[in-house]
Amino acid sequence: MSVYEPWDAGRSAEIIAEHSHLEGATLVILHALQEAFGYVPEPAIPMVAEALNLSRAEVHGVVTFYHDFRHAPAGRHVLKLCRAEACQAAGGDALAARAESKLGISLGNTTADGRITVEAVYCLGLCSVSPSAMIDGKVVARLDAKKLDGLLAEVDR
């Protein structure tokens, strides 16, 4: 489980200044902002654009192109379910439907209590041991209904 700082313009400016000299700084800065705050805060986008001499549209385009960037804070726990072909063929569709049903949310959303965010990912590189998932950065292979229920119970504590 990760603990994030509340968004702060001063902290954002520090992060941007710390990385703005690097090659490919846009992605580096956006990842650093998300690491600090749990998402890329909308008010930070013009700050990044100004520091890198880019348009707001260019920075916004990067944020929206890459699915890993969040636009709002994630839940206290993040469950990523692989939705790639190998995992789908091994029962991933049923597992995704089970998670949605048990949590009362669809993929890409967070429970109302902020406990868990469920996200679709498109390959965790575990095709030979599919279906797979990731919970709070920990990879889970050969996911089945029992393992999924255990993961959900674990984050419910």
C-alpha atoms as a PDB file:
ATOM      1  CA  MET A   1       0.000   0.000   0.000  1.00  0.00           C
ATOM      2  CA  SER A   2       1.390   3.396  -0.948  1.00  0.00           C
ATOM      3  CA  VAL A   3       1.042   6.658   0.913  1.00  0.00           C
ATOM      4  CA  TYR A   4       1.036   9.784  -1.229  1.00  0.00           C
ATOM      5  CA  GLU A   5       1.613  13.427  -0.434  1.00  0.00           C
ATOM      6  CA  PRO A   6      -1.337  15.795  -0.879  1.00  0.00           C
ATOM      7  CA  TRP A   7      -0.929  17.858  -4.048  1.00  0.00           C
ATOM      8  CA  ASP A   8       1.134  20.967  -3.524  1.00  0.00           C
ATOM      9  CA  ALA A   9       2.233  23.470  -6.177  1.00  0.00           C
ATOM     10  CA  GLY A  10       5.562  24.059  -4.447  1.00  0.00           C
ATOM     11  CA  ARG A  11       6.353  20.346  -4.284  1.00  0.00           C
ATOM     12  CA  SER A  12       5.345  20.006  -7.940  1.00  0.00           C
ATOM     13  CA  ALA A  13       7.711  22.833  -8.870  1.00  0.00           C
ATOM     14  CA  GLU A  14      10.534  21.062  -6.994  1.00  0.00           C
ATOM     15  CA  ILE A  15       9.879  17.796  -8.826  1.00  0.00           C
ATOM     16  CA  ILE A  16       9.762  19.555 -12.187  1.00  0.00           C
ATOM     17  CA  ALA A  17      12.984  21.498 -11.518  1.00  0.00           C
ATOM     18  CA  GLU A  18      14.725  18.353 -10.313  1.00  0.00           C
ATOM     19  CA  HIS A  19      14.067  16.525 -13.598  1.00  0.00           C
ATOM     20  CA  SER A  20      13.651  19.219 -16.269  1.00  0.00           C
ATOM     21  CA  HIS A  21      17.282  19.019 -17.408  1.00  0.00           C
ATOM     22  CA  LEU A  22      17.033  15.325 -18.308  1.00  0.00           C
ATOM     23  CA  GLU A  23      16.600  13.946 -21.798  1.00  0.00           C
ATOM     24  CA  GLY A  24      12.998  12.823 -22.242  1.00  0.00           C
ATOM     25  CA  ALA A  25      12.063  14.929 -19.246  1.00  0.00           C
ATOM     26  CA  THR A  26       8.329  14.966 -19.951  1.00  0.00           C
ATOM     27  CA  LEU A  27       7.803  11.310 -19.084  1.00  0.00           C
ATOM     28  CA  VAL A  28      10.291  11.410 -16.224  1.00  0.00           C
ATOM     29  CA  ILE A  29       8.544  14.400 -14.644  1.00  0.00           C
ATOM     30  CA  LEU A  30       5.065  12.943 -15.106  1.00  0.00           C
ATOM     31  CA  HIS A  31       6.143   9.666 -13.498  1.00  0.00           C
ATOM     32  CA  ALA A  32       7.756  11.559 -10.608  1.00  0.00           C
ATOM     33  CA  LEU A  33       4.597  13.612 -10.065  1.00  0.00           C
ATOM     34  CA  GLN A  34       2.485  10.468 -10.035  1.00  0.00           C
ATOM     35  CA  GLU A  35       4.910   8.769  -7.666  1.00  0.00           C
ATOM     36  CA  ALA A  36       4.650  11.688  -5.264  1.00  0.00           C
ATOM     37  CA  PHE A  37       0.900  12.355  -5.462  1.00  0.00           C
ATOM     38  CA  GLY A  38      -0.566   9.092  -6.780  1.00  0.00           C
ATOM     39  CA  TYR A  39      -1.758  10.816  -9.958  1.00  0.00           C
ATOM     40  CA  VAL A  40      -0.770  13.623 -12.320  1.00  0.00           C
ATOM     41  CA  PRO A  41      -2.523  16.707 -10.928  1.00  0.00           C
ATOM     42  CA  GLU A  42      -4.222  18.816 -13.597  1.00  0.00           C
ATOM     43  CA  PRO A  43      -2.700  22.083 -12.257  1.00  0.00           C
ATOM     44  CA  ALA A  44       0.784  20.598 -12.734  1.00  0.00           C
ATOM     45  CA  ILE A  45       0.331  20.206 -16.492  1.00  0.00           C
ATOM     46  CA  PRO A  46       0.864  23.905 -17.336  1.00  0.00           C
ATOM     47  CA  MET A  47       3.807  23.946 -14.923  1.00  0.00           C
ATOM     48  CA  VAL A  48       5.444  21.073 -16.814  1.00  0.00           C
ATOM     49  CA  ALA A  49       4.657  22.717 -20.152  1.00  0.00           C
ATOM     50  CA  GLU A  50       6.242  26.001 -19.122  1.00  0.00           C
ATOM     51  CA  ALA A  51       9.365  24.362 -17.690  1.00  0.00           C
ATOM     52  CA  LEU A  52       9.942  22.307 -20.840  1.00  0.00           C
ATOM     53  CA  ASN A  53       8.854  24.973 -23.333  1.00  0.00           C
ATOM     54  CA  LEU A  54       5.980  22.802 -24.543  1.00  0.00           C
ATOM     55  CA  SER A  55       2.334  23.592 -25.060  1.00  0.00           C
ATOM     56  CA  ARG A  56      -0.210  22.481 -22.487  1.00  0.00           C
ATOM     57  CA  ALA A  57      -1.772  20.378 -25.239  1.00  0.00           C
ATOM     58  CA  GLU A  58       1.496  18.508 -25.788  1.00  0.00           C
ATOM     59  CA  VAL A  59       1.834  17.626 -22.101  1.00  0.00           C
ATOM     60  CA  HIS A  60      -1.862  16.782 -21.831  1.00  0.00           C
ATOM     61  CA  GLY A  61      -1.450  14.533 -24.888  1.00  0.00           C
ATOM     62  CA  VAL A  62       1.319  12.583 -23.172  1.00  0.00           C
ATOM     63  CA  VAL A  63      -0.725  12.190 -19.982  1.00  0.00           C
ATOM     64  CA  THR A  64      -3.776  10.934 -21.850  1.00  0.00           C
ATOM     65  CA  PHE A  65      -1.843   8.713 -24.279  1.00  0.00           C
ATOM     66  CA  TYR A  66      -0.210   6.550 -21.610  1.00  0.00           C
ATOM     67  CA  HIS A  67      -2.712   4.530 -19.615  1.00  0.00           C
ATOM     68  CA  ASP A  68      -0.470   4.321 -16.558  1.00  0.00           C
ATOM     69  CA  PHE A  69      -0.987   7.990 -15.763  1.00  0.00           C
ATOM     70  CA  ARG A  70      -3.917   8.614 -13.446  1.00  0.00           C
ATOM     71  CA  HIS A  71      -6.087  11.746 -13.458  1.00  0.00           C
ATOM     72  CA  ALA A  72      -7.281  11.230  -9.896  1.00  0.00           C
ATOM     73  CA  PRO A  73      -5.798   9.509  -6.870  1.00  0.00           C
ATOM     74  CA  ALA A  74      -6.041   5.728  -6.854  1.00  0.00           C
ATOM     75  CA  GLY A  75      -7.496   3.756  -3.990  1.00  0.00           C
ATOM     76  CA  ARG A  76      -5.373   2.639  -1.059  1.00  0.00           C
ATOM     77  CA  HIS A  77      -4.788  -0.600  -2.988  1.00  0.00           C
ATOM     78  CA  VAL A  78      -4.488  -1.086  -6.746  1.00  0.00           C
ATOM     79  CA  LEU A  79      -5.463  -4.352  -8.415  1.00  0.00           C
ATOM     80  CA  LYS A  80      -4.334  -4.638 -12.022  1.00  0.00           C
ATOM     81  CA  LEU A  81      -5.945  -7.424 -14.020  1.00  0.00           C
ATOM     82  CA  CYS A  82      -4.256  -8.541 -17.222  1.00  0.00           C
ATOM     83  CA  ARG A  83      -6.620  -8.255 -20.166  1.00  0.00           C
ATOM     84  CA  ALA A  84      -4.226  -9.453 -22.894  1.00  0.00           C
ATOM     85  CA  GLU A  85      -5.163 -12.354 -25.161  1.00  0.00           C
ATOM     86  CA  ALA A  86      -3.342 -15.120 -23.252  1.00  0.00           C
ATOM     87  CA  CYS A  87      -4.978 -14.148 -19.974  1.00  0.00           C
ATOM     88  CA  GLN A  88      -8.380 -13.780 -21.627  1.00  0.00           C
ATOM     89  CA  ALA A  89      -8.034 -17.263 -23.127  1.00  0.00           C
ATOM     90  CA  ALA A  90      -7.169 -18.664 -19.688  1.00  0.00           C
ATOM     91  CA  GLY A  91     -10.276 -17.245 -17.988  1.00  0.00           C
ATOM     92  CA  GLY A  92      -9.371 -13.609 -17.464  1.00  0.00           C
ATOM     93  CA  ASP A  93     -12.756 -12.353 -18.661  1.00  0.00           C
ATOM     94  CA  ALA A  94     -14.580 -14.276 -15.938  1.00  0.00           C
ATOM     95  CA  LEU A  95     -12.104 -13.065 -13.309  1.00  0.00           C
ATOM     96  CA  ALA A  96     -12.530  -9.436 -14.371  1.00  0.00           C
ATOM     97  CA  ALA A  97     -16.320  -9.849 -14.216  1.00  0.00           C
ATOM     98  CA  ARG A  98     -15.975 -11.456 -10.760  1.00  0.00           C
ATOM     99  CA  ALA A  99     -13.846  -8.573  -9.448  1.00  0.00           C
ATOM    100  CA  GLU A 100     -16.296  -6.014 -10.845  1.00  0.00           C
ATOM    101  CA  SER A 101     -19.228  -7.835  -9.288  1.00  0.00           C
ATOM    102  CA  LYS A 102     -17.624  -8.300  -5.877  1.00  0.00           C
ATOM    103  CA  LEU A 103     -16.455  -4.678  -5.694  1.00  0.00           C
ATOM    104  CA  GLY A 104     -19.488  -3.106  -7.337  1.00  0.00           C
ATOM    105  CA  ILE A 105     -17.351  -1.116  -9.787  1.00  0.00           C
ATOM    106  CA  SER A 106     -16.143  -1.514 -13.346  1.00  0.00           C
ATOM    107  CA  LEU A 107     -12.514  -1.712 -14.432  1.00  0.00           C
ATOM    108  CA  GLY A 108     -10.797   1.649 -14.256  1.00  0.00           C
ATOM    109  CA  ASN A 109     -12.670   2.774 -11.163  1.00  0.00           C
ATOM    110  CA  THR A 110     -12.218   3.040  -7.412  1.00  0.00           C
ATOM    111  CA  THR A 111     -14.601   1.841  -4.729  1.00  0.00           C
ATOM    112  CA  ALA A 112     -16.618   4.591  -3.068  1.00  0.00           C
ATOM    113  CA  ASP A 113     -14.694   4.130   0.183  1.00  0.00           C
ATOM    114  CA  GLY A 114     -11.373   4.615  -1.644  1.00  0.00           C
ATOM    115  CA  ARG A 115     -10.236   1.159  -0.625  1.00  0.00           C
ATOM    116  CA  ILE A 116      -9.355  -0.324  -4.015  1.00  0.00           C
ATOM    117  CA  THR A 117      -8.863   0.699  -7.618  1.00  0.00           C
ATOM    118  CA  VAL A 118      -9.214  -1.978 -10.285  1.00  0.00           C
ATOM    119  CA  GLU A 119      -7.409  -1.395 -13.555  1.00  0.00           C
ATOM    120  CA  ALA A 120      -7.034  -3.283 -16.810  1.00  0.00           C
ATOM    121  CA  VAL A 121      -3.463  -3.794 -18.019  1.00  0.00           C
ATOM    122  CA  TYR A 122      -2.471  -5.252 -21.333  1.00  0.00           C
ATOM    123  CA  CYS A 123       0.250  -7.751 -20.511  1.00  0.00           C
ATOM    124  CA  LEU A 124       2.240  -8.345 -17.383  1.00  0.00           C
ATOM    125  CA  GLY A 125       4.616 -10.659 -19.258  1.00  0.00           C
ATOM    126  CA  LEU A 126       3.317 -13.782 -17.541  1.00  0.00           C
ATOM    127  CA  CYS A 127       1.555 -15.378 -20.491  1.00  0.00           C
ATOM    128  CA  SER A 128       2.807 -18.889 -19.684  1.00  0.00           C
ATOM    129  CA  VAL A 129       1.269 -18.707 -16.194  1.00  0.00           C
ATOM    130  CA  SER A 130      -1.893 -16.819 -17.068  1.00  0.00           C
ATOM    131  CA  PRO A 131      -4.223 -15.398 -16.068  1.00  0.00           C
ATOM    132  CA  SER A 132      -2.201 -12.916 -14.085  1.00  0.00           C
ATOM    133  CA  ALA A 133      -2.701  -9.838 -11.972  1.00  0.00           C
ATOM    134  CA  MET A 134      -0.786  -7.376  -9.841  1.00  0.00           C
ATOM    135  CA  ILE A 135      -1.838  -6.137  -6.422  1.00  0.00           C
ATOM    136  CA  ASP A 136       0.026  -3.163  -4.973  1.00  0.00           C
ATOM    137  CA  GLY A 137       2.999  -3.969  -7.218  1.00  0.00           C
ATOM    138  CA  LYS A 138       3.107  -7.681  -6.333  1.00  0.00           C
ATOM    139  CA  VAL A 139       2.613 -10.013  -9.304  1.00  0.00           C
ATOM    140  CA  VAL A 140       0.166 -12.908  -9.006  1.00  0.00           C
ATOM    141  CA  ALA A 141       0.313 -15.752 -11.549  1.00  0.00           C
ATOM    142  CA  ARG A 142      -2.208 -18.497 -12.272  1.00  0.00           C
ATOM    143  CA  LEU A 143      -4.999 -16.362 -10.881  1.00  0.00           C
ATOM    144  CA  ASP A 144      -8.240 -18.189 -10.287  1.00  0.00           C
ATOM    145  CA  ALA A 145     -11.483 -17.341  -8.487  1.00  0.00           C
ATOM    146  CA  LYS A 146     -10.141 -18.547  -5.133  1.00  0.00           C
ATOM    147  CA  LYS A 147      -6.915 -16.507  -5.420  1.00  0.00           C
ATOM    148  CA  LEU A 148      -8.866 -13.450  -6.567  1.00  0.00           C
ATOM    149  CA  ASP A 149     -11.234 -13.735  -3.620  1.00  0.00           C
ATOM    150  CA  GLY A 150      -8.205 -14.041  -1.319  1.00  0.00           C
ATOM    151  CA  LEU A 151      -6.629 -10.898  -2.766  1.00  0.00           C
ATOM    152  CA  LEU A 152      -9.847  -8.966  -2.344  1.00  0.00           C
ATOM    153  CA  ALA A 153     -10.226 -10.223   1.237  1.00  0.00           C
ATOM    154  CA  GLU A 154      -6.601  -9.276   1.968  1.00  0.00           C
ATOM    155  CA  VAL A 155      -7.110  -5.651   0.918  1.00  0.00           C
ATOM    156  CA  ASP A 156     -10.397  -5.518   2.805  1.00  0.00           C
ATOM    157  CA  ARG A 157      -8.564  -5.775   6.143  1.00  0.00           C
END
